[in-house]
């Protein structure tokens, strides 16, 4: 579900904030010194730094579903807060402030993430995805300590919290590791080359979300191709960091394009 939320937030910023992927990268990396030193173009980074239950929204009573004359008792969903620290990275501080302000005003206009932007499992959320923007009661109470731990300079950031629902009766099973990054070279003297393996799962859109086998997956910018296995999994080796367009074609003629950011792993519904 977290990867679906990442893709949803990326869609929110591209469509509502007007961030063109060709001009601005949207990433979810740890904003360390090494990472920031390798950025090639303006970047908005959404770093997920905290996950915790929202106890104010906890429901004590069990839910009762009535169907075919029978009553079934089940646990209510658990409400979980996912907290992101959003930063902008550019060469000129004026550009950084403009970019950060555009992101801030866009998020402030959305009390809840619009349903038409939801991706993957989030489409079936019971409650709207409520958000809190730039509130003083965030979990990150001392940003200076955070940046010191990353050995990076203190940056202005937006604290952004999204509340999702976890249905206790639904079990989601997915591969645990999509991405591998190997660095080759002398880390001190350089240069260091990265070899990134990126992958994901193609699933059928619908209640069952069955994996789609034998689907053709193409990276539009490079022409690299992969086929999904019987579990719907695909992977690409030796992909450079950046934004790419995946084209997915199934054996029954369905097709879809999605934008991804490498490194990262993605579930796609067709």
Protein backbone atom coordinates (compact mmCIF):
# COMPACT_ATOMS: atom_id res chain seq x y z
CA UNK A 1 0.00 0.00 0.00
CA UNK A 2 2.85 2.42 0.70
CA UNK A 3 4.14 2.10 -2.86
CA UNK A 4 0.59 2.84 -4.08
CA UNK A 5 0.53 5.96 -1.92
CA UNK A 6 3.90 7.04 -3.34
CA UNK A 7 2.52 6.69 -6.87
CA UNK A 8 -0.64 8.57 -5.84
CA UNK A 9 1.37 11.48 -4.41
CA UNK A 10 3.49 11.59 -7.56
CA UNK A 11 0.31 11.79 -9.65
CA UNK A 12 -1.05 14.51 -7.36
CA UNK A 13 2.04 16.68 -7.83
CA UNK A 14 2.28 16.15 -11.58
CA UNK A 15 -1.40 16.77 -12.28
CA UNK A 16 -2.39 19.32 -9.62
CA UNK A 17 0.92 21.14 -9.07
CA UNK A 18 1.87 21.00 -12.75
CA UNK A 19 5.30 19.44 -12.18
CA UNK A 20 6.49 18.19 -15.55
CA UNK A 21 8.47 14.93 -15.10
CA UNK A 22 10.74 16.06 -17.93
CA UNK A 23 11.75 19.12 -15.89
CA UNK A 24 11.34 18.08 -12.24
CA UNK A 25 12.06 14.69 -10.66
CA UNK A 26 9.79 13.43 -7.87
CA UNK A 27 11.61 10.98 -5.61
CA UNK A 28 11.16 9.17 -2.28
CA UNK A 29 14.81 8.65 -1.36
CA UNK A 30 16.65 9.29 1.91
CA UNK A 31 17.96 12.85 1.42
CA UNK A 32 21.53 12.09 2.43
CA UNK A 33 24.58 14.08 1.36
CA UNK A 34 25.63 11.44 -1.19
CA UNK A 35 22.14 11.39 -2.70
CA UNK A 36 21.80 15.16 -2.99
CA UNK A 37 25.25 15.43 -4.55
CA UNK A 38 24.18 13.23 -7.47
CA UNK A 39 21.04 15.14 -8.48
CA UNK A 40 21.02 16.18 -12.13
CA UNK A 41 17.91 18.38 -12.25
CA UNK A 42 15.38 20.08 -9.95
CA UNK A 43 13.88 17.51 -7.58
CA UNK A 44 11.02 17.28 -5.12
CA UNK A 45 11.73 14.61 -2.53
CA UNK A 46 9.06 13.04 -0.33
CA UNK A 47 10.83 11.11 2.40
CA UNK A 48 8.62 8.79 4.44
CA UNK A 49 10.06 9.11 7.95
CA UNK A 50 7.31 7.87 10.28
CA UNK A 51 4.42 5.38 10.37
CA UNK A 52 2.11 5.13 13.38
CA UNK A 53 -1.50 4.40 14.30
CA UNK A 54 -3.84 7.37 14.58
CA UNK A 55 -5.38 6.59 17.95
CA UNK A 56 -7.76 9.54 17.81
CA UNK A 57 -9.59 7.73 14.99
CA UNK A 58 -9.51 4.28 16.62
CA UNK A 59 -12.94 2.61 16.69
CA UNK A 60 -13.69 0.47 19.73
CA UNK A 61 -16.87 -1.18 18.46
CA UNK A 62 -16.85 -4.13 16.10
CA UNK A 63 -18.50 -3.79 12.70
CA UNK A 64 -21.49 -5.97 11.87
CA UNK A 65 -22.13 -6.90 8.23
CA UNK A 66 -25.58 -8.26 7.46
CA UNK A 67 -25.95 -10.41 4.36
CA UNK A 68 -28.40 -13.16 3.39
CA UNK A 69 -30.06 -12.97 6.76
CA UNK A 70 -26.81 -13.52 8.63
CA UNK A 71 -24.77 -11.12 10.76
CA UNK A 72 -20.96 -11.27 10.59
CA UNK A 73 -18.85 -9.42 13.14
CA UNK A 74 -15.43 -8.09 12.10
CA UNK A 75 -12.81 -5.68 13.32
CA UNK A 76 -12.99 -2.08 12.08
CA UNK A 77 -10.12 -0.78 9.94
CA UNK A 78 -7.03 0.53 11.69
CA UNK A 79 -6.26 4.16 10.79
CA UNK A 80 -2.56 4.77 10.16
CA UNK A 81 -0.69 8.06 9.71
CA UNK A 82 2.15 8.09 7.18
CA UNK A 83 4.37 11.15 7.62
CA UNK A 84 6.47 12.57 4.80
CA UNK A 85 9.12 15.26 4.90
CA UNK A 86 8.96 17.14 1.60
CA UNK A 87 11.95 19.10 0.35
CA UNK A 88 12.91 20.84 -2.91
CA UNK A 89 16.38 20.62 -4.44
CA UNK A 90 17.66 23.08 -7.05
CA UNK A 91 20.90 24.90 -7.81
CA UNK A 92 19.49 28.37 -7.00
CA UNK A 93 17.78 29.04 -3.68
CA UNK A 94 15.18 31.22 -5.42
CA UNK A 95 14.13 28.27 -7.57
CA UNK A 96 14.03 26.04 -4.51
CA UNK A 97 11.67 28.41 -2.72
CA UNK A 98 9.40 28.76 -5.76
CA UNK A 99 9.20 24.99 -6.17
CA UNK A 100 8.56 24.36 -2.48
CA UNK A 101 5.85 27.05 -2.41
CA UNK A 102 4.07 25.52 -5.40
CA UNK A 103 4.04 22.13 -3.68
CA UNK A 104 2.82 23.65 -0.41
CA UNK A 105 -0.09 25.57 -1.95
CA UNK A 106 -1.14 22.53 -3.96
CA UNK A 107 -1.23 20.29 -0.89
CA UNK A 108 -3.07 22.91 1.20
CA UNK A 109 -5.89 22.93 -1.36
CA UNK A 110 -6.49 19.18 -0.89
CA UNK A 111 -8.08 18.30 2.46
CA UNK A 112 -8.24 14.76 1.17
CA UNK A 113 -6.48 13.17 -1.80
CA UNK A 114 -8.95 13.20 -4.74
CA UNK A 115 -10.40 9.76 -5.48
CA UNK A 116 -9.60 9.99 -9.19
CA UNK A 117 -5.87 10.14 -8.36
CA UNK A 118 -5.77 7.04 -6.13
CA UNK A 119 -3.57 4.17 -7.31
CA UNK A 120 -3.56 0.42 -6.64
CA UNK A 121 -4.98 -0.74 -3.32
CA UNK A 122 -5.91 2.82 -2.35
CA UNK A 123 -8.84 2.70 -4.76
CA UNK A 124 -10.60 0.39 -2.29
CA UNK A 125 -10.05 2.52 0.81
CA UNK A 126 -13.09 2.66 3.08
CA UNK A 127 -12.46 6.23 4.23
CA UNK A 128 -11.20 9.25 2.26
CA UNK A 129 -7.43 9.77 2.51
CA UNK A 130 -7.36 12.81 4.81
CA UNK A 131 -4.18 14.87 4.96
CA UNK A 132 -2.49 17.32 7.29
CA UNK A 133 -0.09 19.87 5.83
CA UNK A 134 2.60 21.89 7.65
CA UNK A 135 1.12 21.25 11.10
CA UNK A 136 3.29 21.90 14.18
CA UNK A 137 2.44 18.57 15.85
CA UNK A 138 4.33 16.36 13.40
CA UNK A 139 6.41 13.41 14.56
CA UNK A 140 9.66 15.06 13.41
CA UNK A 141 10.14 17.46 16.32
CA UNK A 142 13.80 18.37 15.75
CA UNK A 143 14.70 18.67 12.05
CA UNK A 144 18.25 19.78 12.86
CA UNK A 145 19.03 16.41 14.46
CA UNK A 146 17.62 14.62 11.42
CA UNK A 147 19.82 16.51 8.96
CA UNK A 148 22.86 16.08 11.18
CA UNK A 149 22.33 12.31 11.17
CA UNK A 150 22.30 12.38 7.36
CA UNK A 151 25.43 14.55 7.27
CA UNK A 152 23.56 17.07 5.13
CA UNK A 153 22.77 20.77 5.45
CA UNK A 154 19.55 21.88 7.14
CA UNK A 155 16.78 22.34 4.55
CA UNK A 156 13.32 23.93 4.72
CA UNK A 157 10.71 21.17 4.57
CA UNK A 158 6.97 20.58 4.55
CA UNK A 159 5.57 18.08 7.01
CA UNK A 160 2.84 16.10 5.23
CA UNK A 161 0.70 13.41 6.86
CA UNK A 162 -1.68 11.07 5.04
CA UNK A 163 -4.13 8.88 6.99
CA UNK A 164 -4.88 5.50 5.39
CA UNK A 165 -7.11 2.62 6.47
CA UNK A 166 -5.87 -0.92 6.99
CA UNK A 167 -8.66 -3.46 6.54
CA UNK A 168 -7.93 -6.24 9.04
CA UNK A 169 -9.82 -8.79 6.92
CA UNK A 170 -7.78 -8.28 3.76
CA UNK A 171 -4.36 -9.86 3.32
CA UNK A 172 -2.10 -8.43 0.62
CA UNK A 173 0.83 -10.53 -0.56
CA UNK A 174 3.52 -9.01 -2.78
CA UNK A 175 7.25 -9.49 -3.38
CA UNK A 176 9.24 -7.82 -0.62
CA UNK A 177 12.16 -6.59 -2.73
CA UNK A 178 11.77 -4.90 -6.12
CA UNK A 179 14.99 -2.93 -6.38
CA UNK A 180 18.70 -3.63 -5.98
CA UNK A 181 21.42 -0.97 -6.28
CA UNK A 182 25.05 -1.96 -6.78
CA UNK A 183 27.83 0.65 -6.73
CA UNK A 184 31.04 -0.19 -8.54
CA UNK A 185 34.25 1.80 -8.17
CA UNK A 186 36.36 3.56 -5.55
CA UNK A 187 33.94 5.29 -3.13
CA UNK A 188 36.70 7.66 -2.03
CA UNK A 189 38.50 8.52 -5.25
CA UNK A 190 35.65 7.84 -7.68
CA UNK A 191 34.14 7.65 -10.15
CA UNK A 192 31.43 5.31 -8.89
CA UNK A 193 29.00 3.68 -11.31
CA UNK A 194 25.57 2.46 -10.27
CA UNK A 195 23.85 -0.65 -11.56
CA UNK A 196 20.18 -0.60 -10.57
CA UNK A 197 17.77 -3.51 -10.88
CA UNK A 198 14.16 -2.33 -10.85
CA UNK A 199 10.97 -4.35 -11.07
CA UNK A 200 7.44 -4.88 -9.91
CA UNK A 201 4.19 -6.74 -10.45
CA UNK A 202 1.44 -6.44 -13.06
CA UNK A 203 -2.03 -7.20 -11.71
CA UNK A 204 -5.52 -7.38 -13.19
CA UNK A 205 -7.68 -4.44 -12.18
CA UNK A 206 -10.59 -5.61 -10.03
CA UNK A 207 -11.48 -7.11 -6.63
CA UNK A 208 -9.16 -10.11 -6.92
CA UNK A 209 -6.17 -8.25 -8.38
CA UNK A 210 -4.84 -11.45 -9.92
CA UNK A 211 -1.27 -11.35 -11.27
CA UNK A 212 -0.98 -11.07 -15.06
CA UNK A 213 1.42 -13.56 -16.67
CA UNK A 214 3.13 -13.15 -20.05
CA UNK A 215 2.58 -9.39 -20.16
CA UNK A 216 5.12 -7.38 -22.15
CA UNK A 217 6.70 -4.53 -20.18
CA UNK A 218 8.77 -1.92 -22.05
CA UNK A 219 10.78 1.05 -20.81
CA UNK A 220 9.75 3.60 -23.42
CA UNK A 221 12.86 5.76 -23.19
CA UNK A 222 15.39 2.94 -23.56
CA UNK A 223 13.46 0.25 -25.43
CA UNK A 224 14.34 -2.37 -22.80
CA UNK A 225 11.76 -5.17 -22.61
CA UNK A 226 10.73 -7.76 -20.03
CA UNK A 227 7.98 -10.38 -19.74
CA UNK A 228 6.05 -11.06 -16.55
CA UNK A 229 6.31 -14.52 -14.99
CA UNK A 230 3.40 -16.62 -13.71
CA UNK A 231 3.25 -14.38 -10.61
CA UNK A 232 3.05 -11.22 -12.72
CA UNK A 233 6.58 -10.16 -11.78
CA UNK A 234 8.97 -8.29 -14.07
CA UNK A 235 12.44 -6.81 -13.64
CA UNK A 236 15.04 -4.77 -15.51
CA UNK A 237 18.78 -4.74 -14.87
CA UNK A 238 21.25 -1.87 -15.31
CA UNK A 239 18.77 1.01 -15.28
CA UNK A 240 20.03 4.53 -14.59
CA UNK A 241 18.44 6.81 -12.02
CA UNK A 242 15.68 9.01 -13.38
CA UNK A 243 12.07 9.08 -14.54
CA UNK A 244 10.82 6.62 -17.13
CA UNK A 245 7.59 5.56 -18.82
CA UNK A 246 6.58 1.92 -18.57
CA UNK A 247 4.37 0.53 -21.33
CA UNK A 248 2.51 -2.64 -20.32
CA UNK A 249 0.77 -4.80 -22.95
CA UNK A 250 -1.14 -7.96 -22.02
CA UNK A 251 -1.93 -10.97 -24.19
CA UNK A 252 -5.63 -10.00 -24.33
CA UNK A 253 -4.84 -6.61 -25.86
CA UNK A 254 -4.92 -4.39 -22.77
CA UNK A 255 -2.33 -1.64 -22.58
CA UNK A 256 -1.31 1.01 -20.07
CA UNK A 257 1.45 3.57 -19.58
CA UNK A 258 2.74 4.62 -16.16
CA UNK A 259 5.54 6.95 -15.07
CA UNK A 260 8.10 5.54 -12.64
CA UNK A 261 11.11 6.93 -10.81
CA UNK A 262 14.24 4.78 -10.52
CA UNK A 263 15.20 3.42 -8.03
CA UNK A 264 11.82 2.04 -7.01
CA UNK A 265 9.48 -0.92 -7.45
CA UNK A 266 5.98 -0.69 -8.81
CA UNK A 267 2.72 -2.59 -8.95
CA UNK A 268 0.69 -1.82 -12.06
CA UNK A 269 -2.97 -2.62 -12.68
CA UNK A 270 -4.28 -3.23 -16.21
